[in-house]
Amino acid sequence: MDKFSAMQAFVRVVEAGTFTKAADSMHLPKATVTRLIQDLEKELDTKLLNRTTRKVTVTVDGASYYEQACRLLDEVHELEASMSRAKASPRGKLKVDVPSSLGLAVIIPALPDFYARYPDIQLQLGVSDRPVDLLVENVDCVVRGGDITDQSLVARRVAEFYIVTCASPAYLKRHGVPQHPRELENAHHTIGFMSPRNGKLFSIKMQKDGEVVEVGGHHQLAVNDSRAAVVAGLSGLGVLFAPTFLVQNDISSGALEPLFTSWCTEVKPVYIVYPPNRHLSNKVRVFVDWIAELFAQHDLMNRKSSLPPEMCSAWTADRESSVVMPTNAQREQTAETV
């Protein structure tokens, strides 16, 4: 039995849903594909497919075998590509996970450019804020904001952002404009943000002229999705703490008004993280480079000033005094789970 051909046939049948469609896509007689699957099941001593007159479904063992077979076939295709001119046009499935806020605001709208460059890559994009185990879930890479702690993975710093405090004009008309961050603790409502991982409420640190204040605020509403927090802020439910890239357009339009523009918040790094494979696959490499290029050029990631000039000046001064940008050699560092 040609195990490689049988494995290919099995994957095609699962993806096509019928033996006939799989055989047509492989330019083989249906009988040949059927025999390859039968030989494979006999070799493995297990049933991989449930067959009826209408459809084909995978068994539990078949589903497990399918995942591993896809991985092996992708590795073989990648090896072939690296040994030929196909390296210039990477292909295959790429499994990526990105934060929902960054994915919807920045990454997904830019994907037409990615596909124009790499039309043969099939991207499986998880859009979530949950913890992802890259090795267990067979994920090629993830994009994550904040500090990285897992030293078993490789993290490349590709961007940064700040947290901005803002509120809707309607809210400020009802409650007044706070002049100092401490007023948020008792005289105002804030929109709480809970960690999607552990439910813990976030607070932010703000500084001005050597004074450092940690603000959590008093909230009537707490959410675990940053986009939901922005909607709540736009609805006038309270003062909002949000990433700059999520609210710049709303600040520019006047739907939200920034607060404490002379105060600085800590810089938040954005990393793309992947397993420490000895030879980074070409499809992962081009995606990592594309993400880095996208973030370097994207208006929302570079804080082009839909934000007030005094806020940008404060951030620039804070960044120059307290943040040392990594060198190229430092941009890729070992890091742990995101």
C-alpha atoms as a PDB file:
ATOM      1  CA  MET A   1       0.000   0.000   0.000  1.00  0.00           C
ATOM      2  CA  ASP A   2       1.169   3.513  -0.828  1.00  0.00           C
ATOM      3  CA  LYS A   3       0.565   5.087   2.593  1.00  0.00           C
ATOM      4  CA  PHE A   4       1.190   8.619   1.358  1.00  0.00           C
ATOM      5  CA  SER A   5      -1.396   8.285  -1.421  1.00  0.00           C
ATOM      6  CA  ALA A   6      -3.838   6.642   0.970  1.00  0.00           C
ATOM      7  CA  MET A   7      -3.386   9.478   3.463  1.00  0.00           C
ATOM      8  CA  GLN A   8      -3.976  12.040   0.701  1.00  0.00           C
ATOM      9  CA  ALA A   9      -7.076  10.195  -0.448  1.00  0.00           C
ATOM     10  CA  PHE A  10      -8.472  10.022   3.081  1.00  0.00           C
ATOM     11  CA  VAL A  11      -7.981  13.781   3.627  1.00  0.00           C
ATOM     12  CA  ARG A  12      -9.626  14.564   0.285  1.00  0.00           C
ATOM     13  CA  VAL A  13     -12.639  12.358   1.098  1.00  0.00           C
ATOM     14  CA  VAL A  14     -13.130  14.032   4.480  1.00  0.00           C
ATOM     15  CA  GLU A  15     -12.897  17.505   2.962  1.00  0.00           C
ATOM     16  CA  ALA A  16     -15.001  16.734  -0.103  1.00  0.00           C
ATOM     17  CA  GLY A  17     -17.651  14.776   1.764  1.00  0.00           C
ATOM     18  CA  THR A  18     -17.991  12.046  -0.881  1.00  0.00           C
ATOM     19  CA  PHE A  19     -15.749   9.514  -2.580  1.00  0.00           C
ATOM     20  CA  THR A  20     -16.875  10.739  -6.000  1.00  0.00           C
ATOM     21  CA  LYS A  21     -15.864  14.363  -5.412  1.00  0.00           C
ATOM     22  CA  ALA A  22     -12.585  13.305  -3.835  1.00  0.00           C
ATOM     23  CA  ALA A  23     -11.768  11.050  -6.784  1.00  0.00           C
ATOM     24  CA  ASP A  24     -12.584  13.828  -9.258  1.00  0.00           C
ATOM     25  CA  SER A  25     -10.333  16.302  -7.430  1.00  0.00           C
ATOM     26  CA  MET A  26      -7.460  13.789  -7.471  1.00  0.00           C
ATOM     27  CA  HIS A  27      -8.107  12.773 -11.092  1.00  0.00           C
ATOM     28  CA  LEU A  28      -8.422   9.141 -10.022  1.00  0.00           C
ATOM     29  CA  PRO A  29     -11.152   6.512 -10.508  1.00  0.00           C
ATOM     30  CA  LYS A  30     -13.552   6.284  -7.598  1.00  0.00           C
ATOM     31  CA  ALA A  31     -12.665   2.609  -7.200  1.00  0.00           C
ATOM     32  CA  THR A  32      -9.012   3.527  -6.666  1.00  0.00           C
ATOM     33  CA  VAL A  33      -9.847   6.001  -3.918  1.00  0.00           C
ATOM     34  CA  THR A  34     -12.165   3.478  -2.262  1.00  0.00           C
ATOM     35  CA  ARG A  35      -9.444   0.821  -2.304  1.00  0.00           C
ATOM     36  CA  LEU A  36      -6.873   3.240  -0.836  1.00  0.00           C
ATOM     37  CA  ILE A  37      -9.175   4.043   2.095  1.00  0.00           C
ATOM     38  CA  GLN A  38      -9.979   0.376   2.678  1.00  0.00           C
ATOM     39  CA  ASP A  39      -6.287  -0.519   2.668  1.00  0.00           C
ATOM     40  CA  LEU A  40      -5.550   2.334   5.078  1.00  0.00           C
ATOM     41  CA  GLU A  41      -8.258   1.201   7.517  1.00  0.00           C
ATOM     42  CA  LYS A  42      -6.951  -2.349   7.312  1.00  0.00           C
ATOM     43  CA  GLU A  43      -3.386  -1.187   7.938  1.00  0.00           C
ATOM     44  CA  LEU A  44      -4.439   0.918  10.940  1.00  0.00           C
ATOM     45  CA  ASP A  45      -6.876  -1.728  12.170  1.00  0.00           C
ATOM     46  CA  THR A  46      -9.581   0.867  12.777  1.00  0.00           C
ATOM     47  CA  LYS A  47     -12.581   2.346  11.020  1.00  0.00           C
ATOM     48  CA  LEU A  48     -11.947   5.893   9.816  1.00  0.00           C
ATOM     49  CA  LEU A  49     -15.156   6.652   7.922  1.00  0.00           C
ATOM     50  CA  ASN A  50     -18.853   5.952   8.301  1.00  0.00           C
ATOM     51  CA  ARG A  51     -20.360   5.394   4.854  1.00  0.00           C
ATOM     52  CA  THR A  52     -24.014   5.707   3.870  1.00  0.00           C
ATOM     53  CA  THR A  53     -25.674   6.018   0.481  1.00  0.00           C
ATOM     54  CA  ARG A  54     -25.944   9.792   0.955  1.00  0.00           C
ATOM     55  CA  LYS A  55     -22.831  10.944   2.762  1.00  0.00           C
ATOM     56  CA  VAL A  56     -19.549  10.076   4.403  1.00  0.00           C
ATOM     57  CA  THR A  57     -18.692  11.092   7.969  1.00  0.00           C
ATOM     58  CA  VAL A  58     -15.576  10.582  10.045  1.00  0.00           C
ATOM     59  CA  THR A  59     -15.426   8.374  13.113  1.00  0.00           C
ATOM     60  CA  VAL A  60     -13.761   9.528  16.328  1.00  0.00           C
ATOM     61  CA  ASP A  61     -10.545   7.768  15.274  1.00  0.00           C
ATOM     62  CA  GLY A  62     -10.956   9.210  11.791  1.00  0.00           C
ATOM     63  CA  ALA A  63     -11.181  12.779  13.122  1.00  0.00           C
ATOM     64  CA  SER A  64      -8.002  12.313  15.124  1.00  0.00           C
ATOM     65  CA  TYR A  65      -6.206  10.756  12.154  1.00  0.00           C
ATOM     66  CA  TYR A  66      -7.418  13.573   9.882  1.00  0.00           C
ATOM     67  CA  GLU A  67      -5.853  16.284  12.074  1.00  0.00           C
ATOM     68  CA  GLN A  68      -2.498  14.511  12.187  1.00  0.00           C
ATOM     69  CA  ALA A  69      -2.592  13.629   8.494  1.00  0.00           C
ATOM     70  CA  CYS A  70      -3.246  17.278   7.561  1.00  0.00           C
ATOM     71  CA  ARG A  71      -0.295  18.330   9.639  1.00  0.00           C
ATOM     72  CA  LEU A  72       2.007  15.764   8.056  1.00  0.00           C
ATOM     73  CA  LEU A  73       0.869  16.595   4.533  1.00  0.00           C
ATOM     74  CA  ASP A  74       1.380  20.309   5.184  1.00  0.00           C
ATOM     75  CA  GLU A  75       4.908  19.602   6.404  1.00  0.00           C
ATOM     76  CA  VAL A  76       5.633  17.544   3.295  1.00  0.00           C
ATOM     77  CA  HIS A  77       4.287  20.302   1.039  1.00  0.00           C
ATOM     78  CA  GLU A  78       6.340  22.866   2.936  1.00  0.00           C
ATOM     79  CA  LEU A  79       9.457  20.741   2.514  1.00  0.00           C
ATOM     80  CA  GLU A  80       8.816  20.410  -1.200  1.00  0.00           C
ATOM     81  CA  ALA A  81       8.229  24.142  -1.465  1.00  0.00           C
ATOM     82  CA  SER A  82      11.489  24.917   0.292  1.00  0.00           C
ATOM     83  CA  MET A  83      13.344  22.797  -2.256  1.00  0.00           C
ATOM     84  CA  SER A  84      11.822  24.422  -5.298  1.00  0.00           C
ATOM     85  CA  ARG A  85      10.712  27.682  -6.783  1.00  0.00           C
ATOM     86  CA  ALA A  86       7.440  27.264  -4.935  1.00  0.00           C
ATOM     87  CA  LYS A  87       9.202  28.835  -1.976  1.00  0.00           C
ATOM     88  CA  ALA A  88       8.513  32.202  -3.567  1.00  0.00           C
ATOM     89  CA  SER A  89       4.782  31.416  -3.430  1.00  0.00           C
ATOM     90  CA  PRO A  90       4.046  29.803  -0.038  1.00  0.00           C
ATOM     91  CA  ARG A  91       0.987  27.581   0.149  1.00  0.00           C
ATOM     92  CA  GLY A  92      -0.990  25.451   2.554  1.00  0.00           C
ATOM     93  CA  LYS A  93      -3.129  25.871   5.660  1.00  0.00           C
ATOM     94  CA  LEU A  94      -2.108  28.412   8.273  1.00  0.00           C
ATOM     95  CA  LYS A  95      -3.785  28.360  11.684  1.00  0.00           C
ATOM     96  CA  VAL A  96      -3.642  31.710  13.499  1.00  0.00           C
ATOM     97  CA  ASP A  97      -5.378  33.185  16.546  1.00  0.00           C
ATOM     98  CA  VAL A  98      -5.772  36.953  17.063  1.00  0.00           C
ATOM     99  CA  PRO A  99      -7.493  39.149  19.686  1.00  0.00           C
ATOM    100  CA  SER A 100     -11.053  40.012  18.717  1.00  0.00           C
ATOM    101  CA  SER A 101     -10.478  43.781  18.949  1.00  0.00           C
ATOM    102  CA  LEU A 102      -7.335  43.805  16.806  1.00  0.00           C
ATOM    103  CA  GLY A 103      -8.749  41.214  14.443  1.00  0.00           C
ATOM    104  CA  LEU A 104     -11.913  43.148  13.651  1.00  0.00           C
ATOM    105  CA  ALA A 105     -10.457  46.661  13.684  1.00  0.00           C
ATOM    106  CA  VAL A 106      -7.133  46.106  11.916  1.00  0.00           C
ATOM    107  CA  ILE A 107      -6.243  42.596  10.720  1.00  0.00           C
ATOM    108  CA  ILE A 108      -9.359  41.277   8.940  1.00  0.00           C
ATOM    109  CA  PRO A 109      -9.992  44.487   6.937  1.00  0.00           C
ATOM    110  CA  ALA A 110      -6.409  44.231   5.630  1.00  0.00           C
ATOM    111  CA  LEU A 111      -6.607  40.567   4.578  1.00  0.00           C
ATOM    112  CA  PRO A 112      -7.341  41.335   0.889  1.00  0.00           C
ATOM    113  CA  ASP A 113      -3.786  42.650   0.687  1.00  0.00           C
ATOM    114  CA  PHE A 114      -2.455  39.443   2.279  1.00  0.00           C
ATOM    115  CA  TYR A 115      -4.341  37.245  -0.201  1.00  0.00           C
ATOM    116  CA  ALA A 116      -3.225  39.393  -3.118  1.00  0.00           C
ATOM    117  CA  ARG A 117       0.346  38.535  -2.131  1.00  0.00           C
ATOM    118  CA  TYR A 118      -0.181  34.937  -1.033  1.00  0.00           C
ATOM    119  CA  PRO A 119      -3.247  33.507  -2.802  1.00  0.00           C
ATOM    120  CA  ASP A 120      -2.297  29.884  -2.084  1.00  0.00           C
ATOM    121  CA  ILE A 121      -2.377  30.197   1.714  1.00  0.00           C
ATOM    122  CA  GLN A 122      -5.575  28.964   3.408  1.00  0.00           C
ATOM    123  CA  LEU A 123      -5.911  30.978   6.597  1.00  0.00           C
ATOM    124  CA  GLN A 124      -7.830  29.523   9.551  1.00  0.00           C
ATOM    125  CA  LEU A 125      -8.293  32.564  11.764  1.00  0.00           C
ATOM    126  CA  GLY A 126      -9.405  32.220  15.349  1.00  0.00           C
ATOM    127  CA  VAL A 127     -10.744  35.530  16.645  1.00  0.00           C
ATOM    128  CA  SER A 128     -10.800  35.387  20.430  1.00  0.00           C
ATOM    129  CA  ASP A 129      -9.218  36.582  23.665  1.00  0.00           C
ATOM    130  CA  ARG A 130      -8.973  33.149  25.253  1.00  0.00           C
ATOM    131  CA  PRO A 131      -5.649  31.521  26.167  1.00  0.00           C
ATOM    132  CA  VAL A 132      -4.362  29.357  23.313  1.00  0.00           C
ATOM    133  CA  ASP A 133      -1.995  26.404  23.693  1.00  0.00           C
ATOM    134  CA  LEU A 134      -0.141  26.548  20.382  1.00  0.00           C
ATOM    135  CA  LEU A 135       1.297  23.036  20.596  1.00  0.00           C
ATOM    136  CA  VAL A 136      -1.797  21.210  21.852  1.00  0.00           C
ATOM    137  CA  GLU A 137      -4.153  23.027  19.456  1.00  0.00           C
ATOM    138  CA  ASN A 138      -1.714  22.893  16.542  1.00  0.00           C
ATOM    139  CA  VAL A 139      -1.815  26.693  16.106  1.00  0.00           C
ATOM    140  CA  ASP A 140       0.969  28.149  13.967  1.00  0.00           C
ATOM    141  CA  CYS A 141       1.081  31.572  15.614  1.00  0.00           C
ATOM    142  CA  VAL A 142      -0.947  34.025  17.700  1.00  0.00           C
ATOM    143  CA  VAL A 143      -1.096  37.808  17.986  1.00  0.00           C
ATOM    144  CA  ARG A 144      -1.363  39.037  21.572  1.00  0.00           C
ATOM    145  CA  GLY A 145      -1.139  42.324  23.444  1.00  0.00           C
ATOM    146  CA  GLY A 146       0.556  42.804  26.800  1.00  0.00           C
ATOM    147  CA  ASP A 147       3.569  41.214  28.422  1.00  0.00           C
ATOM    148  CA  ILE A 148       4.634  37.693  27.472  1.00  0.00           C
ATOM    149  CA  THR A 149       5.606  35.290  30.261  1.00  0.00           C
ATOM    150  CA  ASP A 150       6.056  31.835  28.695  1.00  0.00           C
ATOM    151  CA  GLN A 151       9.720  31.335  27.909  1.00  0.00           C
ATOM    152  CA  SER A 152       9.026  28.250  25.763  1.00  0.00           C
ATOM    153  CA  LEU A 153       7.739  30.265  22.791  1.00  0.00           C
ATOM    154  CA  VAL A 154       9.212  32.862  20.458  1.00  0.00           C
ATOM    155  CA  ALA A 155       7.717  36.368  20.588  1.00  0.00           C
ATOM    156  CA  ARG A 156       8.364  39.137  18.082  1.00  0.00           C
ATOM    157  CA  ARG A 157       7.323  42.623  19.116  1.00  0.00           C
ATOM    158  CA  VAL A 158       5.430  44.138  16.191  1.00  0.00           C
ATOM    159  CA  ALA A 159       3.524  47.132  17.593  1.00  0.00           C
ATOM    160  CA  GLU A 160       2.438  49.043  20.663  1.00  0.00           C
ATOM    161  CA  PHE A 161      -0.584  50.995  21.835  1.00  0.00           C
ATOM    162  CA  TYR A 162      -1.819  53.015  24.788  1.00  0.00           C
ATOM    163  CA  ILE A 163      -5.024  53.082  26.790  1.00  0.00           C
ATOM    164  CA  VAL A 164      -7.048  56.270  26.435  1.00  0.00           C
ATOM    165  CA  THR A 165      -9.748  57.513  28.810  1.00  0.00           C
ATOM    166  CA  CYS A 166     -12.851  58.952  27.148  1.00  0.00           C
ATOM    167  CA  ALA A 167     -16.613  59.359  27.411  1.00  0.00           C
ATOM    168  CA  SER A 168     -19.546  60.336  25.258  1.00  0.00           C
ATOM    169  CA  PRO A 169     -20.661  64.001  25.116  1.00  0.00           C
ATOM    170  CA  ALA A 170     -24.057  62.937  26.503  1.00  0.00           C
ATOM    171  CA  TYR A 171     -22.458  61.334  29.572  1.00  0.00           C
ATOM    172  CA  LEU A 172     -20.246  64.360  30.221  1.00  0.00           C
ATOM    173  CA  LYS A 173     -23.229  66.686  29.883  1.00  0.00           C
ATOM    174  CA  ARG A 174     -25.070  64.732  32.592  1.00  0.00           C
ATOM    175  CA  HIS A 175     -22.183  64.157  34.991  1.00  0.00           C
ATOM    176  CA  GLY A 176     -19.654  66.883  34.197  1.00  0.00           C
ATOM    177  CA  VAL A 177     -16.082  66.615  32.944  1.00  0.00           C
ATOM    178  CA  PRO A 178     -13.673  65.103  35.507  1.00  0.00           C
ATOM    179  CA  GLN A 179     -10.512  67.148  36.018  1.00  0.00           C
ATOM    180  CA  HIS A 180      -8.427  64.532  37.839  1.00  0.00           C
ATOM    181  CA  PRO A 181      -8.338  60.700  37.463  1.00  0.00           C
ATOM    182  CA  ARG A 182      -9.156  60.236  41.172  1.00  0.00           C
ATOM    183  CA  GLU A 183     -12.616  61.676  40.532  1.00  0.00           C
ATOM    184  CA  LEU A 184     -13.464  58.446  38.706  1.00  0.00           C
ATOM    185  CA  GLU A 185     -13.347  56.526  41.972  1.00  0.00           C
ATOM    186  CA  ASN A 186     -16.464  58.136  43.478  1.00  0.00           C
ATOM    187  CA  ALA A 187     -17.976  60.928  41.375  1.00  0.00           C
ATOM    188  CA  HIS A 188     -18.370  59.080  38.087  1.00  0.00           C
ATOM    189  CA  HIS A 189     -19.380  55.750  36.601  1.00  0.00           C
ATOM    190  CA  THR A 190     -16.812  53.799  34.636  1.00  0.00           C
ATOM    191  CA  ILE A 191     -17.228  50.840  32.319  1.00  0.00           C
ATOM    192  CA  GLY A 192     -15.390  47.943  33.901  1.00  0.00           C
ATOM    193  CA  PHE A 193     -13.374  45.532  31.792  1.00  0.00           C
ATOM    194  CA  MET A 194     -12.998  41.937  32.982  1.00  0.00           C
ATOM    195  CA  SER A 195     -10.196  39.693  31.810  1.00  0.00           C
ATOM    196  CA  PRO A 196     -11.583  37.074  29.372  1.00  0.00           C
ATOM    197  CA  ARG A 197      -9.156  34.629  30.980  1.00  0.00           C
ATOM    198  CA  ASN A 198      -9.917  34.913  34.690  1.00  0.00           C
ATOM    199  CA  GLY A 199     -12.673  37.506  35.127  1.00  0.00           C
ATOM    200  CA  LYS A 200     -10.377  39.907  36.987  1.00  0.00           C
ATOM    201  CA  LEU A 201     -11.237  43.596  36.624  1.00  0.00           C
ATOM    202  CA  PHE A 202      -8.541  45.713  35.006  1.00  0.00           C
ATOM    203  CA  SER A 203      -7.260  49.035  36.282  1.00  0.00           C
ATOM    204  CA  ILE A 204      -4.887  51.440  34.548  1.00  0.00           C
ATOM    205  CA  LYS A 205      -1.937  53.489  35.754  1.00  0.00           C
ATOM    206  CA  MET A 206      -1.700  57.135  34.742  1.00  0.00           C
ATOM    207  CA  GLN A 207       1.111  59.564  35.407  1.00  0.00           C
ATOM    208  CA  LYS A 208       1.713  63.294  35.179  1.00  0.00           C
ATOM    209  CA  ASP A 209       4.632  65.358  36.468  1.00  0.00           C
ATOM    210  CA  GLY A 210       5.819  62.530  38.692  1.00  0.00           C
ATOM    211  CA  GLU A 211       2.366  61.776  40.134  1.00  0.00           C
ATOM    212  CA  VAL A 212       1.203  58.202  39.497  1.00  0.00           C
ATOM    213  CA  VAL A 213      -2.433  57.203  39.924  1.00  0.00           C
ATOM    214  CA  GLU A 214      -3.943  53.726  39.513  1.00  0.00           C
ATOM    215  CA  VAL A 215      -7.568  53.993  38.437  1.00  0.00           C
ATOM    216  CA  GLY A 216     -10.211  51.295  38.515  1.00  0.00           C
ATOM    217  CA  GLY A 217     -13.279  53.427  38.999  1.00  0.00           C
ATOM    218  CA  HIS A 218     -16.807  52.740  40.184  1.00  0.00           C
ATOM    219  CA  HIS A 219     -18.766  50.799  37.586  1.00  0.00           C
ATOM    220  CA  GLN A 220     -22.371  49.803  37.109  1.00  0.00           C
ATOM    221  CA  LEU A 221     -21.453  47.726  34.061  1.00  0.00           C
ATOM    222  CA  ALA A 222     -18.477  45.440  33.488  1.00  0.00           C
ATOM    223  CA  VAL A 223     -17.843  43.523  30.249  1.00  0.00           C
ATOM    224  CA  ASN A 224     -15.237  41.053  29.038  1.00  0.00           C
ATOM    225  CA  ASP A 225     -14.978  42.276  25.443  1.00  0.00           C
ATOM    226  CA  SER A 226     -13.263  45.536  24.505  1.00  0.00           C
ATOM    227  CA  ARG A 227     -15.617  46.198  21.582  1.00  0.00           C
ATOM    228  CA  ALA A 228     -18.589  45.834  23.930  1.00  0.00           C
ATOM    229  CA  ALA A 229     -16.934  48.342  26.257  1.00  0.00           C
ATOM    230  CA  VAL A 230     -16.652  50.844  23.402  1.00  0.00           C
ATOM    231  CA  VAL A 231     -20.332  50.389  22.526  1.00  0.00           C
ATOM    232  CA  ALA A 232     -21.202  50.960  26.169  1.00  0.00           C
ATOM    233  CA  GLY A 233     -19.115  54.128  26.182  1.00  0.00           C
ATOM    234  CA  LEU A 234     -20.764  55.391  23.022  1.00  0.00           C
ATOM    235  CA  SER A 235     -24.144  54.728  24.657  1.00  0.00           C
ATOM    236  CA  GLY A 236     -23.273  57.059  27.532  1.00  0.00           C
ATOM    237  CA  LEU A 237     -23.060  54.365  30.216  1.00  0.00           C
ATOM    238  CA  GLY A 238     -19.830  55.636  31.729  1.00  0.00           C
ATOM    239  CA  VAL A 239     -16.216  56.652  31.355  1.00  0.00           C
ATOM    240  CA  LEU A 240     -14.332  54.264  29.109  1.00  0.00           C
ATOM    241  CA  PHE A 241     -10.740  52.957  29.197  1.00  0.00           C
ATOM    242  CA  ALA A 242      -9.951  51.609  25.729  1.00  0.00           C
ATOM    243  CA  PRO A 243      -7.025  50.893  23.385  1.00  0.00           C
ATOM    244  CA  THR A 244      -6.219  53.843  21.148  1.00  0.00           C
ATOM    245  CA  PHE A 245      -6.807  51.851  17.963  1.00  0.00           C
ATOM    246  CA  LEU A 246     -10.402  51.098  18.987  1.00  0.00           C
ATOM    247  CA  VAL A 247     -11.527  54.654  19.728  1.00  0.00           C
ATOM    248  CA  GLN A 248      -9.441  56.942  17.508  1.00  0.00           C
ATOM    249  CA  ASN A 249     -12.121  57.133  14.838  1.00  0.00           C
ATOM    250  CA  ASP A 250     -14.822  57.835  17.436  1.00  0.00           C
ATOM    251  CA  ILE A 251     -12.693  60.578  18.989  1.00  0.00           C
ATOM    252  CA  SER A 252     -12.060  62.062  15.557  1.00  0.00           C
ATOM    253  CA  SER A 253     -15.801  62.117  14.787  1.00  0.00           C
ATOM    254  CA  GLY A 254     -16.719  63.610  18.155  1.00  0.00           C
ATOM    255  CA  ALA A 255     -18.694  60.553  19.277  1.00  0.00           C
ATOM    256  CA  LEU A 256     -16.262  60.241  22.192  1.00  0.00           C
ATOM    257  CA  GLU A 257     -14.319  62.947  23.988  1.00  0.00           C
ATOM    258  CA  PRO A 258     -10.860  62.187  25.436  1.00  0.00           C
ATOM    259  CA  LEU A 259     -10.188  62.920  29.107  1.00  0.00           C
ATOM    260  CA  PHE A 260      -6.970  63.663  31.007  1.00  0.00           C
ATOM    261  CA  THR A 261      -5.087  64.428  27.797  1.00  0.00           C
ATOM    262  CA  SER A 262      -1.995  65.619  29.665  1.00  0.00           C
ATOM    263  CA  TRP A 263      -1.713  62.323  31.563  1.00  0.00           C
ATOM    264  CA  CYS A 264       0.280  59.346  30.241  1.00  0.00           C
ATOM    265  CA  THR A 265      -0.534  55.671  30.415  1.00  0.00           C
ATOM    266  CA  GLU A 266       1.861  52.758  30.118  1.00  0.00           C
ATOM    267  CA  VAL A 267       2.777  51.558  26.664  1.00  0.00           C
ATOM    268  CA  LYS A 268       1.217  48.188  25.765  1.00  0.00           C
ATOM    269  CA  PRO A 269       3.311  46.002  23.444  1.00  0.00           C
ATOM    270  CA  VAL A 270       1.827  43.753  20.770  1.00  0.00           C
ATOM    271  CA  TYR A 271       3.587  40.483  19.943  1.00  0.00           C
ATOM    272  CA  ILE A 272       3.227  37.773  17.359  1.00  0.00           C
ATOM    273  CA  VAL A 273       4.107  34.485  19.041  1.00  0.00           C
ATOM    274  CA  TYR A 274       4.974  31.097  17.568  1.00  0.00           C
ATOM    275  CA  PRO A 275       6.562  27.795  18.660  1.00  0.00           C
ATOM    276  CA  PRO A 276      10.372  27.647  18.589  1.00  0.00           C
ATOM    277  CA  ASN A 277      10.600  25.473  15.493  1.00  0.00           C
ATOM    278  CA  ARG A 278      14.112  25.056  14.302  1.00  0.00           C
ATOM    279  CA  HIS A 279      13.092  25.968  10.755  1.00  0.00           C
ATOM    280  CA  LEU A 280      10.219  28.440  10.654  1.00  0.00           C
ATOM    281  CA  SER A 281       7.922  27.441   7.808  1.00  0.00           C
ATOM    282  CA  ASN A 282       7.719  29.828   4.889  1.00  0.00           C
ATOM    283  CA  LYS A 283       3.986  30.403   5.235  1.00  0.00           C
ATOM    284  CA  VAL A 284       4.372  31.337   8.908  1.00  0.00           C
ATOM    285  CA  ARG A 285       7.334  33.573   8.115  1.00  0.00           C
ATOM    286  CA  VAL A 286       5.473  35.560   5.457  1.00  0.00           C
ATOM    287  CA  PHE A 287       2.452  35.995   7.758  1.00  0.00           C
ATOM    288  CA  VAL A 288       4.651  37.213  10.618  1.00  0.00           C
ATOM    289  CA  ASP A 289       6.386  39.689   8.307  1.00  0.00           C
ATOM    290  CA  TRP A 290       3.048  40.834   6.864  1.00  0.00           C
ATOM    291  CA  ILE A 291       1.616  41.488  10.335  1.00  0.00           C
ATOM    292  CA  ALA A 292       4.720  43.481  11.297  1.00  0.00           C
ATOM    293  CA  GLU A 293       4.452  45.548   8.106  1.00  0.00           C
ATOM    294  CA  LEU A 294       0.706  46.060   8.561  1.00  0.00           C
ATOM    295  CA  PHE A 295       1.069  47.359  12.115  1.00  0.00           C
ATOM    296  CA  ALA A 296       4.003  49.588  11.164  1.00  0.00           C
ATOM    297  CA  GLN A 297       1.950  51.333   8.467  1.00  0.00           C
ATOM    298  CA  HIS A 298      -1.625  51.242   9.793  1.00  0.00           C
ATOM    299  CA  ASP A 299      -3.065  54.586  10.902  1.00  0.00           C
ATOM    300  CA  LEU A 300      -4.878  53.143  13.922  1.00  0.00           C
ATOM    301  CA  MET A 301      -1.734  51.449  15.220  1.00  0.00           C
ATOM    302  CA  ASN A 302       0.417  54.548  14.745  1.00  0.00           C
ATOM    303  CA  ARG A 303      -1.905  56.981  16.534  1.00  0.00           C
ATOM    304  CA  LYS A 304      -2.193  59.387  13.584  1.00  0.00           C
ATOM    305  CA  SER A 305      -3.800  62.175  15.305  1.00  0.00           C
ATOM    306  CA  SER A 306      -7.401  61.791  15.434  1.00  0.00           C
ATOM    307  CA  LEU A 307      -6.198  62.167  19.025  1.00  0.00           C
ATOM    308  CA  PRO A 308      -5.621  65.596  20.595  1.00  0.00           C
ATOM    309  CA  PRO A 309      -2.155  67.123  19.999  1.00  0.00           C
ATOM    310  CA  GLU A 310      -1.523  67.510  23.731  1.00  0.00           C
ATOM    311  CA  MET A 311      -2.220  63.801  24.288  1.00  0.00           C
ATOM    312  CA  CYS A 312       0.164  62.741  21.541  1.00  0.00           C
ATOM    313  CA  SER A 313       2.809  65.120  22.926  1.00  0.00           C
ATOM    314  CA  ALA A 314       2.416  63.624  26.389  1.00  0.00           C
ATOM    315  CA  TRP A 315       2.698  60.092  25.039  1.00  0.00           C
ATOM    316  CA  THR A 316       5.740  60.969  22.924  1.00  0.00           C
ATOM    317  CA  ALA A 317       7.522  62.525  25.882  1.00  0.00           C
ATOM    318  CA  ASP A 318       6.667  59.588  28.102  1.00  0.00           C
ATOM    319  CA  ARG A 319       7.817  57.114  25.484  1.00  0.00           C
ATOM    320  CA  GLU A 320      11.132  58.855  24.945  1.00  0.00           C
ATOM    321  CA  SER A 321      11.845  59.094  28.651  1.00  0.00           C
ATOM    322  CA  SER A 322      10.761  55.643  29.801  1.00  0.00           C
ATOM    323  CA  VAL A 323      10.611  53.241  26.857  1.00  0.00           C
ATOM    324  CA  VAL A 324      13.653  51.817  25.122  1.00  0.00           C
ATOM    325  CA  MET A 325      12.725  50.347  21.768  1.00  0.00           C
ATOM    326  CA  PRO A 326      14.320  46.925  21.091  1.00  0.00           C
ATOM    327  CA  THR A 327      17.024  46.453  18.532  1.00  0.00           C
ATOM    328  CA  ASN A 328      16.432  44.090  15.617  1.00  0.00           C
ATOM    329  CA  ALA A 329      18.270  41.373  17.494  1.00  0.00           C
ATOM    330  CA  GLN A 330      16.035  41.882  20.509  1.00  0.00           C
ATOM    331  CA  ARG A 331      12.758  41.923  18.608  1.00  0.00           C
ATOM    332  CA  GLU A 332      12.620  38.140  18.582  1.00  0.00           C
ATOM    333  CA  GLN A 333      12.820  36.775  22.092  1.00  0.00           C
ATOM    334  CA  THR A 334      11.808  33.571  23.790  1.00  0.00           C
ATOM    335  CA  ALA A 335       8.525  33.927  25.599  1.00  0.00           C
ATOM    336  CA  GLU A 336       5.800  31.869  27.172  1.00  0.00           C
ATOM    337  CA  THR A 337       2.074  31.332  26.717  1.00  0.00           C
ATOM    338  CA  VAL A 338       0.026  34.317  25.750  1.00  0.00           C
END
